[in-house]
Amino acid sequence: MFVSRSSVLCYVAATVVRGFSSQTVGVLGWSTVSPNTVLTRHALLSRRNTNSNNKGLKMSSSDDFDETRRGAYSLPDQVKRFAEAQEEKNERYLDIGSVFDGNDLAGKRVLVTGGNRGLGLAITKELVAIGATALVMCRSTSPELEKLVGKFNVYSGVDVTNTEAVNKAAKAVKSDGGALDVVINNAGYFYEPAENIDSLNFEEQIKQIDVCGLGPLRVNAACVNNKVLADGAKLVIITSQAGSVEWRSTQNANEGGDYGHHMSRAAC
């Protein structure tokens, strides 16, 4: 329901996430080091492993980290990946219904940013269909969104790059019906003209990073600081394989360009 089975790699901070079909394999937690402090390679690795283990995660030593990294990605080649899934009869990959039951969201209050079109609209439609209350935060509404019948509310005029507007919307969401069970950060922005090193539009690149990278942080912070989240609430960030060097080098070999887009998705 929520994500395209062919395209999702989510990066949260320095979290390495395996494509659609696996689990988080590691989080690199780095604390601030004063300028006068020199940490040896061994100390850095020790800190990384200690922080990871404290989170209940396991990571290999740096000696075989490349091997771990390779194993942390699903196969970038979409056609080959799908063929292998068919050959292996991989039910988890081929049928999302085998691992996800959307009915669990019935009766839940779910905030969707950018829910007026595209993937966000599809998510909103599905939420309404299964009986959840969809709360759409967007810059402007759309005819398709207004046609929906069910439990939903639209908070338009909200740009995720505007901290004041996001905070105001978060407070309105709370006053209109209470705490949120799920927040889905879906709002994104893509600069259409192809960019190369000799034709860069830095203003547009910064905008992409602001929307896709900082946007989710603004929304999540507003929900936390305004006490909008219910106990055990889930925060979801949608990004894409565009943020993965591994995938991009396979699917867009020798193309390059669109730096703002790829940086914003990696940041997300």
C-alpha atoms as a PDB file:
ATOM      1  CA  MET A   1       0.000   0.000   0.000  1.00  0.00           C
ATOM      2  CA  PHE A   2       2.598   2.516   1.062  1.00  0.00           C
ATOM      3  CA  VAL A   3       5.553   2.025  -1.228  1.00  0.00           C
ATOM      4  CA  SER A   4       6.472   0.851  -4.676  1.00  0.00           C
ATOM      5  CA  ARG A   5       7.955  -2.615  -4.354  1.00  0.00           C
ATOM      6  CA  SER A   6      10.502  -1.751  -7.043  1.00  0.00           C
ATOM      7  CA  SER A   7      11.926   1.519  -5.853  1.00  0.00           C
ATOM      8  CA  VAL A   8      12.306   1.983  -2.130  1.00  0.00           C
ATOM      9  CA  LEU A   9      15.520   2.400  -0.215  1.00  0.00           C
ATOM     10  CA  CYS A  10      15.097   4.502   2.898  1.00  0.00           C
ATOM     11  CA  TYR A  11      17.984   6.295   4.505  1.00  0.00           C
ATOM     12  CA  VAL A  12      17.436   7.650   8.015  1.00  0.00           C
ATOM     13  CA  ALA A  13      20.563   9.431   9.261  1.00  0.00           C
ATOM     14  CA  ALA A  14      23.343   6.920   8.597  1.00  0.00           C
ATOM     15  CA  THR A  15      21.016   3.957   8.682  1.00  0.00           C
ATOM     16  CA  VAL A  16      21.725   1.370   6.043  1.00  0.00           C
ATOM     17  CA  VAL A  17      18.496  -0.189   4.910  1.00  0.00           C
ATOM     18  CA  ARG A  18      18.136  -3.158   2.672  1.00  0.00           C
ATOM     19  CA  GLY A  19      15.701  -2.632  -0.238  1.00  0.00           C
ATOM     20  CA  PHE A  20      12.059  -3.686   0.066  1.00  0.00           C
ATOM     21  CA  SER A  21      12.683  -7.146   1.364  1.00  0.00           C
ATOM     22  CA  SER A  22      14.924  -6.999   4.382  1.00  0.00           C
ATOM     23  CA  GLN A  23      15.881  -5.311   7.619  1.00  0.00           C
ATOM     24  CA  THR A  24      17.997  -2.543   8.997  1.00  0.00           C
ATOM     25  CA  VAL A  25      21.518  -3.826   9.419  1.00  0.00           C
ATOM     26  CA  GLY A  26      23.228  -0.965  11.171  1.00  0.00           C
ATOM     27  CA  VAL A  27      23.169   2.531  12.557  1.00  0.00           C
ATOM     28  CA  LEU A  28      26.299   4.618  12.872  1.00  0.00           C
ATOM     29  CA  GLY A  29      25.947   6.789  15.958  1.00  0.00           C
ATOM     30  CA  TRP A  30      28.638   9.455  16.210  1.00  0.00           C
ATOM     31  CA  SER A  31      28.914  11.820  19.163  1.00  0.00           C
ATOM     32  CA  THR A  32      30.531  15.253  18.985  1.00  0.00           C
ATOM     33  CA  VAL A  33      34.324  15.259  19.295  1.00  0.00           C
ATOM     34  CA  SER A  34      36.220  18.346  20.447  1.00  0.00           C
ATOM     35  CA  PRO A  35      38.859  19.742  18.060  1.00  0.00           C
ATOM     36  CA  ASN A  36      41.630  18.760  20.473  1.00  0.00           C
ATOM     37  CA  THR A  37      40.557  15.143  20.616  1.00  0.00           C
ATOM     38  CA  VAL A  38      42.196  12.700  18.268  1.00  0.00           C
ATOM     39  CA  LEU A  39      40.511   9.333  17.930  1.00  0.00           C
ATOM     40  CA  THR A  40      42.389   6.455  16.418  1.00  0.00           C
ATOM     41  CA  ARG A  41      40.860   4.252  13.781  1.00  0.00           C
ATOM     42  CA  HIS A  42      40.429   1.515  16.378  1.00  0.00           C
ATOM     43  CA  ALA A  43      38.614   3.851  18.763  1.00  0.00           C
ATOM     44  CA  LEU A  44      36.255   5.028  16.040  1.00  0.00           C
ATOM     45  CA  LEU A  45      35.376   1.491  15.051  1.00  0.00           C
ATOM     46  CA  SER A  46      34.927   0.553  18.694  1.00  0.00           C
ATOM     47  CA  ARG A  47      32.548   3.456  19.220  1.00  0.00           C
ATOM     48  CA  ARG A  48      30.577   2.549  16.118  1.00  0.00           C
ATOM     49  CA  ASN A  49      30.198  -1.052  17.234  1.00  0.00           C
ATOM     50  CA  THR A  50      29.349  -0.078  20.813  1.00  0.00           C
ATOM     51  CA  ASN A  51      26.646   2.341  19.719  1.00  0.00           C
ATOM     52  CA  SER A  52      25.232  -0.187  17.292  1.00  0.00           C
ATOM     53  CA  ASN A  53      25.191  -2.950  19.885  1.00  0.00           C
ATOM     54  CA  ASN A  54      23.481  -0.647  22.375  1.00  0.00           C
ATOM     55  CA  LYS A  55      20.674  -0.314  19.853  1.00  0.00           C
ATOM     56  CA  GLY A  56      20.410  -4.077  19.545  1.00  0.00           C
ATOM     57  CA  LEU A  57      22.085  -4.108  16.140  1.00  0.00           C
ATOM     58  CA  LYS A  58      25.067  -6.020  14.851  1.00  0.00           C
ATOM     59  CA  MET A  59      27.704  -4.806  12.446  1.00  0.00           C
ATOM     60  CA  SER A  60      30.816  -6.484  11.232  1.00  0.00           C
ATOM     61  CA  SER A  61      34.318  -5.098  11.679  1.00  0.00           C
ATOM     62  CA  SER A  62      35.741  -2.769   9.045  1.00  0.00           C
ATOM     63  CA  ASP A  63      37.799  -5.598   7.561  1.00  0.00           C
ATOM     64  CA  ASP A  64      34.723  -7.143   5.993  1.00  0.00           C
ATOM     65  CA  PHE A  65      32.506  -4.060   6.010  1.00  0.00           C
ATOM     66  CA  ASP A  66      32.427  -3.934   2.209  1.00  0.00           C
ATOM     67  CA  GLU A  67      30.964  -7.425   2.173  1.00  0.00           C
ATOM     68  CA  THR A  68      28.357  -6.396   4.747  1.00  0.00           C
ATOM     69  CA  ARG A  69      27.529  -3.336   2.665  1.00  0.00           C
ATOM     70  CA  ARG A  70      27.028  -5.409  -0.451  1.00  0.00           C
ATOM     71  CA  GLY A  71      24.724  -7.721   1.455  1.00  0.00           C
ATOM     72  CA  ALA A  72      22.732  -4.779   2.790  1.00  0.00           C
ATOM     73  CA  TYR A  73      21.292  -3.867  -0.603  1.00  0.00           C
ATOM     74  CA  SER A  74      18.747  -5.674  -2.667  1.00  0.00           C
ATOM     75  CA  LEU A  75      19.843  -6.213  -6.269  1.00  0.00           C
ATOM     76  CA  PRO A  76      19.847  -2.823  -8.054  1.00  0.00           C
ATOM     77  CA  ASP A  77      18.928  -4.308 -11.437  1.00  0.00           C
ATOM     78  CA  GLN A  78      15.111  -4.204 -11.297  1.00  0.00           C
ATOM     79  CA  VAL A  79      14.482  -6.648 -14.123  1.00  0.00           C
ATOM     80  CA  LYS A  80      16.940  -9.205 -12.774  1.00  0.00           C
ATOM     81  CA  ARG A  81      15.679  -8.715  -9.219  1.00  0.00           C
ATOM     82  CA  PHE A  82      12.090  -9.411 -10.247  1.00  0.00           C
ATOM     83  CA  ALA A  83      13.145 -12.458 -12.286  1.00  0.00           C
ATOM     84  CA  GLU A  84      15.036 -13.872  -9.300  1.00  0.00           C
ATOM     85  CA  ALA A  85      12.040 -13.287  -7.034  1.00  0.00           C
ATOM     86  CA  GLN A  86       9.831 -15.204  -9.451  1.00  0.00           C
ATOM     87  CA  GLU A  87      12.335 -18.034  -9.723  1.00  0.00           C
ATOM     88  CA  GLU A  88      12.648 -18.257  -5.938  1.00  0.00           C
ATOM     89  CA  LYS A  89       8.863 -17.855  -5.488  1.00  0.00           C
ATOM     90  CA  ASN A  90       9.635 -15.056  -3.045  1.00  0.00           C
ATOM     91  CA  GLU A  91       6.168 -14.374  -1.669  1.00  0.00           C
ATOM     92  CA  ARG A  92       7.338 -11.454   0.461  1.00  0.00           C
ATOM     93  CA  TYR A  93       8.633  -9.654  -2.614  1.00  0.00           C
ATOM     94  CA  LEU A  94       5.878 -10.612  -5.053  1.00  0.00           C
ATOM     95  CA  ASP A  95       2.867 -10.121  -2.773  1.00  0.00           C
ATOM     96  CA  ILE A  96       2.928  -7.243  -0.309  1.00  0.00           C
ATOM     97  CA  GLY A  97      -0.287  -8.606   1.199  1.00  0.00           C
ATOM     98  CA  SER A  98       1.716 -11.517   2.592  1.00  0.00           C
ATOM     99  CA  VAL A  99       3.586  -9.225   4.990  1.00  0.00           C
ATOM    100  CA  PHE A 100       1.341  -6.189   5.376  1.00  0.00           C
ATOM    101  CA  ASP A 101      -2.292  -5.913   6.438  1.00  0.00           C
ATOM    102  CA  GLY A 102      -3.566  -2.395   5.946  1.00  0.00           C
ATOM    103  CA  ASN A 103      -6.647  -3.131   8.028  1.00  0.00           C
ATOM    104  CA  ASP A 104      -4.487  -2.614  11.115  1.00  0.00           C
ATOM    105  CA  LEU A 105      -4.741   1.107  10.352  1.00  0.00           C
ATOM    106  CA  ALA A 106      -8.542   1.174  10.550  1.00  0.00           C
ATOM    107  CA  GLY A 107      -9.574   3.763  13.114  1.00  0.00           C
ATOM    108  CA  LYS A 108      -6.093   5.292  13.272  1.00  0.00           C
ATOM    109  CA  ARG A 109      -5.286   8.952  12.672  1.00  0.00           C
ATOM    110  CA  VAL A 110      -2.645   9.273   9.964  1.00  0.00           C
ATOM    111  CA  LEU A 111      -0.982  12.464   8.733  1.00  0.00           C
ATOM    112  CA  VAL A 112       0.212  12.468   5.105  1.00  0.00           C
ATOM    113  CA  THR A 113       2.313  15.324   3.754  1.00  0.00           C
ATOM    114  CA  GLY A 114       1.929  15.996   0.040  1.00  0.00           C
ATOM    115  CA  GLY A 115      -1.218  13.880   0.013  1.00  0.00           C
ATOM    116  CA  ASN A 116      -2.931  15.881  -2.711  1.00  0.00           C
ATOM    117  CA  ARG A 117      -1.367  14.113  -5.704  1.00  0.00           C
ATOM    118  CA  GLY A 118       0.863  11.266  -6.873  1.00  0.00           C
ATOM    119  CA  LEU A 119       2.009   8.723  -4.328  1.00  0.00           C
ATOM    120  CA  GLY A 120       0.669  10.838  -1.467  1.00  0.00           C
ATOM    121  CA  LEU A 121      -2.807  10.844  -2.988  1.00  0.00           C
ATOM    122  CA  ALA A 122      -2.652   7.070  -3.515  1.00  0.00           C
ATOM    123  CA  ILE A 123      -1.706   6.621   0.151  1.00  0.00           C
ATOM    124  CA  THR A 124      -4.533   8.918   1.226  1.00  0.00           C
ATOM    125  CA  LYS A 125      -7.066   7.005  -0.877  1.00  0.00           C
ATOM    126  CA  GLU A 126      -5.965   3.699   0.617  1.00  0.00           C
ATOM    127  CA  LEU A 127      -6.120   5.048   4.169  1.00  0.00           C
ATOM    128  CA  VAL A 128      -9.651   6.327   3.641  1.00  0.00           C
ATOM    129  CA  ALA A 129     -10.692   3.041   2.020  1.00  0.00           C
ATOM    130  CA  ILE A 130      -9.579   0.953   5.006  1.00  0.00           C
ATOM    131  CA  GLY A 131     -11.262   3.198   7.558  1.00  0.00           C
ATOM    132  CA  ALA A 132      -8.406   5.333   8.831  1.00  0.00           C
ATOM    133  CA  THR A 133      -8.725   9.079   9.311  1.00  0.00           C
ATOM    134  CA  ALA A 134      -6.394  10.659   6.756  1.00  0.00           C
ATOM    135  CA  LEU A 135      -5.088  14.125   7.578  1.00  0.00           C
ATOM    136  CA  VAL A 136      -3.532  15.678   4.496  1.00  0.00           C
ATOM    137  CA  MET A 137      -0.955  18.456   4.834  1.00  0.00           C
ATOM    138  CA  CYS A 138      -0.247  20.077   1.462  1.00  0.00           C
ATOM    139  CA  ARG A 139       0.445  23.349  -0.322  1.00  0.00           C
ATOM    140  CA  SER A 140      -2.858  23.171  -2.199  1.00  0.00           C
ATOM    141  CA  THR A 141      -5.713  20.731  -2.500  1.00  0.00           C
ATOM    142  CA  SER A 142      -6.704  18.940  -5.730  1.00  0.00           C
ATOM    143  CA  PRO A 143      -9.935  17.856  -7.442  1.00  0.00           C
ATOM    144  CA  GLU A 144      -8.980  14.201  -6.939  1.00  0.00           C
ATOM    145  CA  LEU A 145      -8.503  14.750  -3.222  1.00  0.00           C
ATOM    146  CA  GLU A 146     -11.779  16.629  -2.847  1.00  0.00           C
ATOM    147  CA  LYS A 147     -13.668  13.753  -4.499  1.00  0.00           C
ATOM    148  CA  LEU A 148     -12.769  11.328  -1.723  1.00  0.00           C
ATOM    149  CA  VAL A 149     -15.562  10.043   0.465  1.00  0.00           C
ATOM    150  CA  GLY A 150     -14.647   9.024   3.994  1.00  0.00           C
ATOM    151  CA  LYS A 151     -12.763  10.249   7.014  1.00  0.00           C
ATOM    152  CA  PHE A 152     -10.210  12.813   5.928  1.00  0.00           C
ATOM    153  CA  ASN A 153      -9.297  16.430   6.479  1.00  0.00           C
ATOM    154  CA  VAL A 154      -7.149  18.727   4.374  1.00  0.00           C
ATOM    155  CA  TYR A 155      -4.739  21.323   5.748  1.00  0.00           C
ATOM    156  CA  SER A 156      -3.798  23.286   2.642  1.00  0.00           C
ATOM    157  CA  GLY A 157      -1.442  26.228   2.332  1.00  0.00           C
ATOM    158  CA  VAL A 158       1.262  24.328   4.194  1.00  0.00           C
ATOM    159  CA  ASP A 159       4.734  24.243   2.649  1.00  0.00           C
ATOM    160  CA  VAL A 160       7.108  21.895   4.492  1.00  0.00           C
ATOM    161  CA  THR A 161       9.883  24.473   4.029  1.00  0.00           C
ATOM    162  CA  ASN A 162       7.915  26.936   6.182  1.00  0.00           C
ATOM    163  CA  THR A 163       8.484  26.137   9.860  1.00  0.00           C
ATOM    164  CA  GLU A 164       5.759  28.495  11.079  1.00  0.00           C
ATOM    165  CA  ALA A 165       3.141  27.039   8.728  1.00  0.00           C
ATOM    166  CA  VAL A 166       4.071  23.468   9.674  1.00  0.00           C
ATOM    167  CA  ASN A 167       3.795  24.238  13.400  1.00  0.00           C
ATOM    168  CA  LYS A 168       0.437  25.932  12.907  1.00  0.00           C
ATOM    169  CA  ALA A 169      -0.875  22.931  10.974  1.00  0.00           C
ATOM    170  CA  ALA A 170       0.380  20.497  13.624  1.00  0.00           C
ATOM    171  CA  LYS A 171      -1.507  22.398  16.321  1.00  0.00           C
ATOM    172  CA  ALA A 172      -4.638  22.418  14.153  1.00  0.00           C
ATOM    173  CA  VAL A 173      -4.398  18.654  13.635  1.00  0.00           C
ATOM    174  CA  LYS A 174      -4.267  18.126  17.391  1.00  0.00           C
ATOM    175  CA  SER A 175      -7.145  20.475  18.186  1.00  0.00           C
ATOM    176  CA  ASP A 176      -9.308  18.980  15.432  1.00  0.00           C
ATOM    177  CA  GLY A 177      -9.280  15.429  16.718  1.00  0.00           C
ATOM    178  CA  GLY A 178      -6.436  14.474  18.983  1.00  0.00           C
ATOM    179  CA  ALA A 179      -3.139  12.684  18.686  1.00  0.00           C
ATOM    180  CA  LEU A 180      -1.643  11.086  15.591  1.00  0.00           C
ATOM    181  CA  ASP A 181      -0.897   7.378  15.311  1.00  0.00           C
ATOM    182  CA  VAL A 182       1.211   7.632  12.151  1.00  0.00           C
ATOM    183  CA  VAL A 183       2.985  10.445  10.302  1.00  0.00           C
ATOM    184  CA  ILE A 184       3.914   9.747   6.676  1.00  0.00           C
ATOM    185  CA  ASN A 185       6.459  12.233   5.320  1.00  0.00           C
ATOM    186  CA  ASN A 186       5.785  11.997   1.610  1.00  0.00           C
ATOM    187  CA  ALA A 187       6.068  15.586   0.326  1.00  0.00           C
ATOM    188  CA  GLY A 188       8.826  15.953  -2.240  1.00  0.00           C
ATOM    189  CA  TYR A 189      10.122  18.180  -4.989  1.00  0.00           C
ATOM    190  CA  PHE A 190      11.954  17.438  -8.227  1.00  0.00           C
ATOM    191  CA  TYR A 191      13.495  20.005 -10.561  1.00  0.00           C
ATOM    192  CA  GLU A 192      12.481  18.877 -14.041  1.00  0.00           C
ATOM    193  CA  PRO A 193      15.281  20.235 -16.295  1.00  0.00           C
ATOM    194  CA  ALA A 194      18.204  17.819 -16.461  1.00  0.00           C
ATOM    195  CA  GLU A 195      21.254  19.203 -14.679  1.00  0.00           C
ATOM    196  CA  ASN A 196      24.911  18.584 -15.351  1.00  0.00           C
ATOM    197  CA  ILE A 197      28.048  20.090 -13.884  1.00  0.00           C
ATOM    198  CA  ASP A 198      28.023  22.832 -16.533  1.00  0.00           C
ATOM    199  CA  SER A 199      24.347  23.745 -16.057  1.00  0.00           C
ATOM    200  CA  LEU A 200      23.710  23.852 -12.323  1.00  0.00           C
ATOM    201  CA  ASN A 201      20.832  25.717 -10.710  1.00  0.00           C
ATOM    202  CA  PHE A 202      21.920  26.001  -7.084  1.00  0.00           C
ATOM    203  CA  GLU A 203      18.718  27.714  -5.996  1.00  0.00           C
ATOM    204  CA  GLU A 204      16.705  24.730  -7.199  1.00  0.00           C
ATOM    205  CA  GLN A 205      19.135  22.273  -5.629  1.00  0.00           C
ATOM    206  CA  ILE A 206      18.806  23.976  -2.259  1.00  0.00           C
ATOM    207  CA  LYS A 207      15.020  23.902  -2.627  1.00  0.00           C
ATOM    208  CA  GLN A 208      15.077  20.142  -3.271  1.00  0.00           C
ATOM    209  CA  ILE A 209      17.209  19.556  -0.184  1.00  0.00           C
ATOM    210  CA  ASP A 210      14.969  21.865   1.860  1.00  0.00           C
ATOM    211  CA  VAL A 211      11.797  20.018   0.838  1.00  0.00           C
ATOM    212  CA  CYS A 212      13.035  16.427   0.772  1.00  0.00           C
ATOM    213  CA  GLY A 213      15.762  16.509   3.404  1.00  0.00           C
ATOM    214  CA  LEU A 214      14.701  19.134   5.954  1.00  0.00           C
ATOM    215  CA  GLY A 215      10.953  18.929   5.289  1.00  0.00           C
ATOM    216  CA  PRO A 216      10.466  15.641   7.178  1.00  0.00           C
ATOM    217  CA  LEU A 217      12.556  16.986  10.058  1.00  0.00           C
ATOM    218  CA  ARG A 218      10.340  20.079  10.319  1.00  0.00           C
ATOM    219  CA  VAL A 219       7.151  18.022  10.285  1.00  0.00           C
ATOM    220  CA  ASN A 220       8.390  15.461  12.797  1.00  0.00           C
ATOM    221  CA  ALA A 221       9.753  18.182  15.083  1.00  0.00           C
ATOM    222  CA  ALA A 222       6.440  20.055  14.956  1.00  0.00           C
ATOM    223  CA  CYS A 223       4.557  16.894  15.900  1.00  0.00           C
ATOM    224  CA  VAL A 224       6.914  16.139  18.790  1.00  0.00           C
ATOM    225  CA  ASN A 225       7.226  19.681  20.131  1.00  0.00           C
ATOM    226  CA  ASN A 226       3.478  20.300  19.973  1.00  0.00           C
ATOM    227  CA  LYS A 227       2.754  16.917  21.594  1.00  0.00           C
ATOM    228  CA  VAL A 228       0.683  15.743  18.639  1.00  0.00           C
ATOM    229  CA  LEU A 229       1.883  12.119  18.692  1.00  0.00           C
ATOM    230  CA  ALA A 230       0.084   9.299  20.471  1.00  0.00           C
ATOM    231  CA  ASP A 231       2.065   6.813  22.556  1.00  0.00           C
ATOM    232  CA  GLY A 232       3.832   4.420  20.205  1.00  0.00           C
ATOM    233  CA  ALA A 233       3.202   6.609  17.160  1.00  0.00           C
ATOM    234  CA  LYS A 234       5.171   5.803  14.012  1.00  0.00           C
ATOM    235  CA  LEU A 235       7.104   8.313  11.903  1.00  0.00           C
ATOM    236  CA  VAL A 236       7.560   7.284   8.261  1.00  0.00           C
ATOM    237  CA  ILE A 237       9.882   8.942   5.745  1.00  0.00           C
ATOM    238  CA  ILE A 238       9.501   8.101   2.068  1.00  0.00           C
ATOM    239  CA  THR A 239      12.539   8.491  -0.144  1.00  0.00           C
ATOM    240  CA  SER A 240      13.773   6.583  -3.196  1.00  0.00           C
ATOM    241  CA  GLN A 241      16.630   4.679  -4.730  1.00  0.00           C
ATOM    242  CA  ALA A 242      17.838   8.036  -6.081  1.00  0.00           C
ATOM    243  CA  GLY A 243      19.572   8.457  -2.730  1.00  0.00           C
ATOM    244  CA  SER A 244      21.645   5.315  -3.174  1.00  0.00           C
ATOM    245  CA  VAL A 245      25.018   5.407  -4.913  1.00  0.00           C
ATOM    246  CA  GLU A 246      24.875   1.627  -5.291  1.00  0.00           C
ATOM    247  CA  TRP A 247      21.545   1.628  -7.080  1.00  0.00           C
ATOM    248  CA  ARG A 248      22.184   4.734  -9.127  1.00  0.00           C
ATOM    249  CA  SER A 249      25.473   3.441 -10.519  1.00  0.00           C
ATOM    250  CA  THR A 250      23.632   0.364 -11.775  1.00  0.00           C
ATOM    251  CA  GLN A 251      20.404   1.843 -13.104  1.00  0.00           C
ATOM    252  CA  ASN A 252      21.782   5.169 -14.346  1.00  0.00           C
ATOM    253  CA  ALA A 253      25.306   4.192 -15.309  1.00  0.00           C
ATOM    254  CA  ASN A 254      27.375   7.008 -16.827  1.00  0.00           C
ATOM    255  CA  GLU A 255      24.472   9.453 -16.718  1.00  0.00           C
ATOM    256  CA  GLY A 256      25.419  11.630 -13.748  1.00  0.00           C
ATOM    257  CA  GLY A 257      23.703  14.962 -13.188  1.00  0.00           C
ATOM    258  CA  ASP A 258      20.621  15.924 -11.153  1.00  0.00           C
ATOM    259  CA  TYR A 259      22.827  16.408  -8.121  1.00  0.00           C
ATOM    260  CA  GLY A 260      20.245  18.273  -6.048  1.00  0.00           C
ATOM    261  CA  HIS A 261      17.727  15.473  -6.514  1.00  0.00           C
ATOM    262  CA  HIS A 262      20.143  12.723  -5.524  1.00  0.00           C
ATOM    263  CA  MET A 263      21.596  14.648  -2.587  1.00  0.00           C
ATOM    264  CA  SER A 264      18.125  15.482  -1.280  1.00  0.00           C
ATOM    265  CA  ARG A 265      17.061  11.835  -1.423  1.00  0.00           C
ATOM    266  CA  ALA A 266      20.223  10.655   0.297  1.00  0.00           C
ATOM    267  CA  ALA A 267      19.688  13.285   3.009  1.00  0.00           C
ATOM    268  CA  CYS A 268      16.103  12.143   3.413  1.00  0.00           C
END
